Amino acid sequence: MAVPKRKMSRSNTRHRRAQWKASRPDLVPITIDGSEYLVPRRLVRAYQRGLIEPES
């Protein structure tokens, strides 16, 4: 693991951390009981199996 040679200033640390942004999950259309819903791709199977109830 890399070890820093010098201490990083608080300002630099906060500027670096501020660059991180969460990305929105990509939504895919699925049809359940004749209704179409937009759900995250990783949850499609759970919705199809009935483990998660789709919200209206």
PDB file of N, CA and C in Angstrom:
ATOM      1  N   MET A   1       0.841  -1.178   0.000  1.00  0.00           N
ATOM      2  CA  MET A   1       0.000   0.000   0.000  1.00  0.00           C
ATOM      3  C   MET A   1       0.887   1.243   0.000  1.00  0.00           C
ATOM      4  N   ALA A   2       0.497   2.254  -0.735  1.00  0.00           N
ATOM      5  CA  ALA A   2       1.282   3.482  -0.820  1.00  0.00           C
ATOM      6  C   ALA A   2       1.167   4.272   0.474  1.00  0.00           C
ATOM      7  N   VAL A   3       2.299   4.801   0.919  1.00  0.00           N
ATOM      8  CA  VAL A   3       2.337   5.612   2.134  1.00  0.00           C
ATOM      9  C   VAL A   3       2.820   7.002   1.748  1.00  0.00           C
ATOM     10  N   PRO A   4       2.092   8.053   2.141  1.00  0.00           N
ATOM     11  CA  PRO A   4       2.522   9.397   1.755  1.00  0.00           C
ATOM     12  C   PRO A   4       3.834   9.781   2.427  1.00  0.00           C
ATOM     13  N   LYS A   5       4.672  10.492   1.679  1.00  0.00           N
ATOM     14  CA  LYS A   5       5.968  10.902   2.212  1.00  0.00           C
ATOM     15  C   LYS A   5       5.816  12.113   3.124  1.00  0.00           C
ATOM     16  N   ARG A   6       4.830  12.983   2.800  1.00  0.00           N
ATOM     17  CA  ARG A   6       4.605  14.180   3.612  1.00  0.00           C
ATOM     18  C   ARG A   6       3.122  14.299   3.950  1.00  0.00           C
ATOM     19  N   LYS A   7       2.868  15.047   5.003  1.00  0.00           N
ATOM     20  CA  LYS A   7       1.483  15.275   5.422  1.00  0.00           C
ATOM     21  C   LYS A   7       0.775  16.157   4.389  1.00  0.00           C
ATOM     22  N   MET A   8      -0.447  15.777   4.047  1.00  0.00           N
ATOM     23  CA  MET A   8      -1.231  16.572   3.109  1.00  0.00           C
ATOM     24  C   MET A   8      -2.045  17.603   3.888  1.00  0.00           C
ATOM     25  N   SER A   9      -2.048  18.824   3.402  1.00  0.00           N
ATOM     26  CA  SER A   9      -2.751  19.892   4.126  1.00  0.00           C
ATOM     27  C   SER A   9      -4.249  19.637   4.151  1.00  0.00           C
ATOM     28  N   ARG A  10      -4.901  20.223   5.114  1.00  0.00           N
ATOM     29  CA  ARG A  10      -6.357  20.077   5.241  1.00  0.00           C
ATOM     30  C   ARG A  10      -7.058  20.612   3.995  1.00  0.00           C
ATOM     31  N   SER A  11      -6.570  21.733   3.484  1.00  0.00           N
ATOM     32  CA  SER A  11      -7.168  22.336   2.291  1.00  0.00           C
ATOM     33  C   SER A  11      -7.070  21.393   1.090  1.00  0.00           C
ATOM     34  N   ASN A  12      -5.883  20.822   0.871  1.00  0.00           N
ATOM     35  CA  ASN A  12      -5.711  19.897  -0.254  1.00  0.00           C
ATOM     36  C   ASN A  12      -6.561  18.647  -0.079  1.00  0.00           C
ATOM     37  N   THR A  13      -6.634  18.155   1.137  1.00  0.00           N
ATOM     38  CA  THR A  13      -7.442  16.962   1.402  1.00  0.00           C
ATOM     39  C   THR A  13      -8.899  17.222   1.068  1.00  0.00           C
ATOM     40  N   ARG A  14      -9.416  18.346   1.517  1.00  0.00           N
ATOM     41  CA  ARG A  14     -10.825  18.653   1.280  1.00  0.00           C
ATOM     42  C   ARG A  14     -11.109  18.940  -0.188  1.00  0.00           C
ATOM     43  N   HIS A  15     -10.175  19.567  -0.875  1.00  0.00           N
ATOM     44  CA  HIS A  15     -10.358  19.797  -2.315  1.00  0.00           C
ATOM     45  C   HIS A  15     -10.391  18.478  -3.062  1.00  0.00           C
ATOM     46  N   ARG A  16      -9.526  17.537  -2.668  1.00  0.00           N
ATOM     47  CA  ARG A  16      -9.503  16.232  -3.327  1.00  0.00           C
ATOM     48  C   ARG A  16     -10.796  15.483  -3.069  1.00  0.00           C
ATOM     49  N   ARG A  17     -11.272  15.486  -1.820  1.00  0.00           N
ATOM     50  CA  ARG A  17     -12.491  14.759  -1.475  1.00  0.00           C
ATOM     51  C   ARG A  17     -13.722  15.356  -2.136  1.00  0.00           C
ATOM     52  N   ALA A  18     -13.705  16.666  -2.399  1.00  0.00           N
ATOM     53  CA  ALA A  18     -14.864  17.338  -2.987  1.00  0.00           C
ATOM     54  C   ALA A  18     -15.084  16.938  -4.445  1.00  0.00           C
ATOM     55  N   GLN A  19     -14.067  16.332  -5.077  1.00  0.00           N
ATOM     56  CA  GLN A  19     -14.181  15.961  -6.485  1.00  0.00           C
ATOM     57  C   GLN A  19     -15.053  14.719  -6.687  1.00  0.00           C
ATOM     58  N   TRP A  20     -15.208  13.903  -5.629  1.00  0.00           N
ATOM     59  CA  TRP A  20     -15.956  12.664  -5.749  1.00  0.00           C
ATOM     60  C   TRP A  20     -17.444  12.949  -5.839  1.00  0.00           C
ATOM     61  N   LYS A  21     -18.123  12.365  -6.798  1.00  0.00           N
ATOM     62  CA  LYS A  21     -19.561  12.540  -6.954  1.00  0.00           C
ATOM     63  C   LYS A  21     -20.189  11.159  -7.165  1.00  0.00           C
ATOM     64  N   ALA A  22     -21.297  10.934  -6.537  1.00  0.00           N
ATOM     65  CA  ALA A  22     -22.023   9.684  -6.741  1.00  0.00           C
ATOM     66  C   ALA A  22     -22.745   9.762  -8.076  1.00  0.00           C
ATOM     67  N   SER A  23     -22.749   8.683  -8.814  1.00  0.00           N
ATOM     68  CA  SER A  23     -23.451   8.664 -10.094  1.00  0.00           C
ATOM     69  C   SER A  23     -24.836   8.050  -9.905  1.00  0.00           C
ATOM     70  N   ARG A  24     -25.785   8.554 -10.674  1.00  0.00           N
ATOM     71  CA  ARG A  24     -27.148   8.044 -10.592  1.00  0.00           C
ATOM     72  C   ARG A  24     -27.196   6.635 -11.165  1.00  0.00           C
ATOM     73  N   PRO A  25     -27.981   5.745 -10.572  1.00  0.00           N
ATOM     74  CA  PRO A  25     -28.081   4.395 -11.138  1.00  0.00           C
ATOM     75  C   PRO A  25     -28.834   4.450 -12.466  1.00  0.00           C
ATOM     76  N   ASP A  26     -28.380   3.662 -13.431  1.00  0.00           N
ATOM     77  CA  ASP A  26     -29.084   3.653 -14.709  1.00  0.00           C
ATOM     78  C   ASP A  26     -30.396   2.896 -14.546  1.00  0.00           C
ATOM     79  N   LEU A  27     -31.484   3.534 -14.966  1.00  0.00           N
ATOM     80  CA  LEU A  27     -32.818   2.957 -14.818  1.00  0.00           C
ATOM     81  C   LEU A  27     -33.224   2.272 -16.118  1.00  0.00           C
ATOM     82  N   VAL A  28     -33.773   1.089 -15.994  1.00  0.00           N
ATOM     83  CA  VAL A  28     -34.229   0.343 -17.166  1.00  0.00           C
ATOM     84  C   VAL A  28     -35.729   0.072 -17.021  1.00  0.00           C
ATOM     85  N   PRO A  29     -36.447   0.115 -18.125  1.00  0.00           N
ATOM     86  CA  PRO A  29     -37.885  -0.151 -18.062  1.00  0.00           C
ATOM     87  C   PRO A  29     -38.164  -1.651 -17.957  1.00  0.00           C
ATOM     88  N   ILE A  30     -39.060  -2.037 -17.033  1.00  0.00           N
ATOM     89  CA  ILE A  30     -39.521  -3.420 -16.947  1.00  0.00           C
ATOM     90  C   ILE A  30     -41.045  -3.403 -16.852  1.00  0.00           C
ATOM     91  N   THR A  31     -41.663  -4.467 -17.293  1.00  0.00           N
ATOM     92  CA  THR A  31     -43.112  -4.569 -17.251  1.00  0.00           C
ATOM     93  C   THR A  31     -43.513  -5.622 -16.227  1.00  0.00           C
ATOM     94  N   ILE A  32     -44.351  -5.200 -15.267  1.00  0.00           N
ATOM     95  CA  ILE A  32     -44.856  -6.112 -14.245  1.00  0.00           C
ATOM     96  C   ILE A  32     -46.365  -5.964 -14.208  1.00  0.00           C
ATOM     97  N   ASP A  33     -47.071  -7.064 -14.434  1.00  0.00           N
ATOM     98  CA  ASP A  33     -48.542  -7.082 -14.448  1.00  0.00           C
ATOM     99  C   ASP A  33     -49.128  -6.015 -15.381  1.00  0.00           C
ATOM    100  N   GLY A  34     -48.504  -5.832 -16.547  1.00  0.00           N
ATOM    101  CA  GLY A  34     -49.024  -4.897 -17.535  1.00  0.00           C
ATOM    102  C   GLY A  34     -48.652  -3.443 -17.294  1.00  0.00           C
ATOM    103  N   SER A  35     -47.975  -3.137 -16.204  1.00  0.00           N
ATOM    104  CA  SER A  35     -47.537  -1.769 -15.924  1.00  0.00           C
ATOM    105  C   SER A  35     -46.034  -1.687 -16.127  1.00  0.00           C
ATOM    106  N   GLU A  36     -45.599  -0.559 -16.674  1.00  0.00           N
ATOM    107  CA  GLU A  36     -44.178  -0.378 -16.925  1.00  0.00           C
ATOM    108  C   GLU A  36     -43.559   0.486 -15.829  1.00  0.00           C
ATOM    109  N   TYR A  37     -42.406   0.056 -15.322  1.00  0.00           N
ATOM    110  CA  TYR A  37     -41.709   0.766 -14.256  1.00  0.00           C
ATOM    111  C   TYR A  37     -40.257   0.982 -14.660  1.00  0.00           C
ATOM    112  N   LEU A  38     -39.673   2.046 -14.165  1.00  0.00           N
ATOM    113  CA  LEU A  38     -38.242   2.285 -14.333  1.00  0.00           C
ATOM    114  C   LEU A  38     -37.549   1.901 -13.031  1.00  0.00           C
ATOM    115  N   VAL A  39     -36.667   0.920 -13.102  1.00  0.00           N
ATOM    116  CA  VAL A  39     -35.990   0.436 -11.904  1.00  0.00           C
ATOM    117  C   VAL A  39     -34.490   0.346 -12.176  1.00  0.00           C
ATOM    118  N   PRO A  40     -33.657   0.408 -11.130  1.00  0.00           N
ATOM    119  CA  PRO A  40     -32.216   0.236 -11.322  1.00  0.00           C
ATOM    120  C   PRO A  40     -31.916  -1.153 -11.899  1.00  0.00           C
ATOM    121  N   ARG A  41     -30.921  -1.207 -12.764  1.00  0.00           N
ATOM    122  CA  ARG A  41     -30.588  -2.441 -13.474  1.00  0.00           C
ATOM    123  C   ARG A  41     -30.276  -3.588 -12.511  1.00  0.00           C
ATOM    124  N   ARG A  42     -29.602  -3.296 -11.399  1.00  0.00           N
ATOM    125  CA  ARG A  42     -29.203  -4.371 -10.490  1.00  0.00           C
ATOM    126  C   ARG A  42     -30.371  -4.932  -9.695  1.00  0.00           C
ATOM    127  N   LEU A  43     -31.551  -4.272  -9.727  1.00  0.00           N
ATOM    128  CA  LEU A  43     -32.708  -4.754  -8.976  1.00  0.00           C
ATOM    129  C   LEU A  43     -33.794  -5.367  -9.859  1.00  0.00           C
ATOM    130  N   VAL A  44     -33.542  -5.479 -11.154  1.00  0.00           N
ATOM    131  CA  VAL A  44     -34.555  -5.995 -12.081  1.00  0.00           C
ATOM    132  C   VAL A  44     -35.029  -7.383 -11.671  1.00  0.00           C
ATOM    133  N   ARG A  45     -34.105  -8.280 -11.359  1.00  0.00           N
ATOM    134  CA  ARG A  45     -34.482  -9.655 -10.985  1.00  0.00           C
ATOM    135  C   ARG A  45     -35.348  -9.681  -9.732  1.00  0.00           C
ATOM    136  N   ALA A  46     -35.009  -8.846  -8.761  1.00  0.00           N
ATOM    137  CA  ALA A  46     -35.773  -8.814  -7.517  1.00  0.00           C
ATOM    138  C   ALA A  46     -37.204  -8.359  -7.772  1.00  0.00           C
ATOM    139  N   TYR A  47     -37.378  -7.366  -8.638  1.00  0.00           N
ATOM    140  CA  TYR A  47     -38.726  -6.902  -8.982  1.00  0.00           C
ATOM    141  C   TYR A  47     -39.493  -7.991  -9.734  1.00  0.00           C
ATOM    142  N   GLN A  48     -38.836  -8.668 -10.665  1.00  0.00           N
ATOM    143  CA  GLN A  48     -39.510  -9.702 -11.451  1.00  0.00           C
ATOM    144  C   GLN A  48     -39.912 -10.891 -10.593  1.00  0.00           C
ATOM    145  N   ARG A  49     -39.147 -11.207  -9.583  1.00  0.00           N
ATOM    146  CA  ARG A  49     -39.472 -12.339  -8.703  1.00  0.00           C
ATOM    147  C   ARG A  49     -40.462 -11.977  -7.612  1.00  0.00           C
ATOM    148  N   GLY A  50     -40.765 -10.680  -7.482  1.00  0.00           N
ATOM    149  CA  GLY A  50     -41.715 -10.259  -6.480  1.00  0.00           C
ATOM    150  C   GLY A  50     -41.114 -10.017  -5.108  1.00  0.00           C
ATOM    151  N   LEU A  51     -39.784  -9.962  -5.033  1.00  0.00           N
ATOM    152  CA  LEU A  51     -39.130  -9.717  -3.742  1.00  0.00           C
ATOM    153  C   LEU A  51     -39.267  -8.254  -3.321  1.00  0.00           C
ATOM    154  N   ILE A  52     -39.432  -7.370  -4.305  1.00  0.00           N
ATOM    155  CA  ILE A  52     -39.596  -5.933  -4.047  1.00  0.00           C
ATOM    156  C   ILE A  52     -40.873  -5.498  -4.756  1.00  0.00           C
ATOM    157  N   GLU A  53     -41.717  -4.761  -4.040  1.00  0.00           N
ATOM    158  CA  GLU A  53     -42.951  -4.244  -4.640  1.00  0.00           C
ATOM    159  C   GLU A  53     -42.657  -2.938  -5.389  1.00  0.00           C
ATOM    160  N   PRO A  54     -43.066  -2.824  -6.652  1.00  0.00           N
ATOM    161  CA  PRO A  54     -42.822  -1.571  -7.382  1.00  0.00           C
ATOM    162  C   PRO A  54     -43.715  -0.446  -6.833  1.00  0.00           C
ATOM    163  N   GLU A  55     -43.137   0.755  -6.761  1.00  0.00           N
ATOM    164  CA  GLU A  55     -43.902   1.908  -6.289  1.00  0.00           C
ATOM    165  C   GLU A  55     -44.629   2.540  -7.467  1.00  0.00           C
ATOM    166  N   SER A  56     -45.778   3.080  -7.209  1.00  0.00           N
ATOM    167  CA  SER A  56     -46.584   3.679  -8.278  1.00  0.00           C
ATOM    168  C   SER A  56     -46.072   5.037  -8.669  1.00  0.00           C
TER     169      SER A  56
END
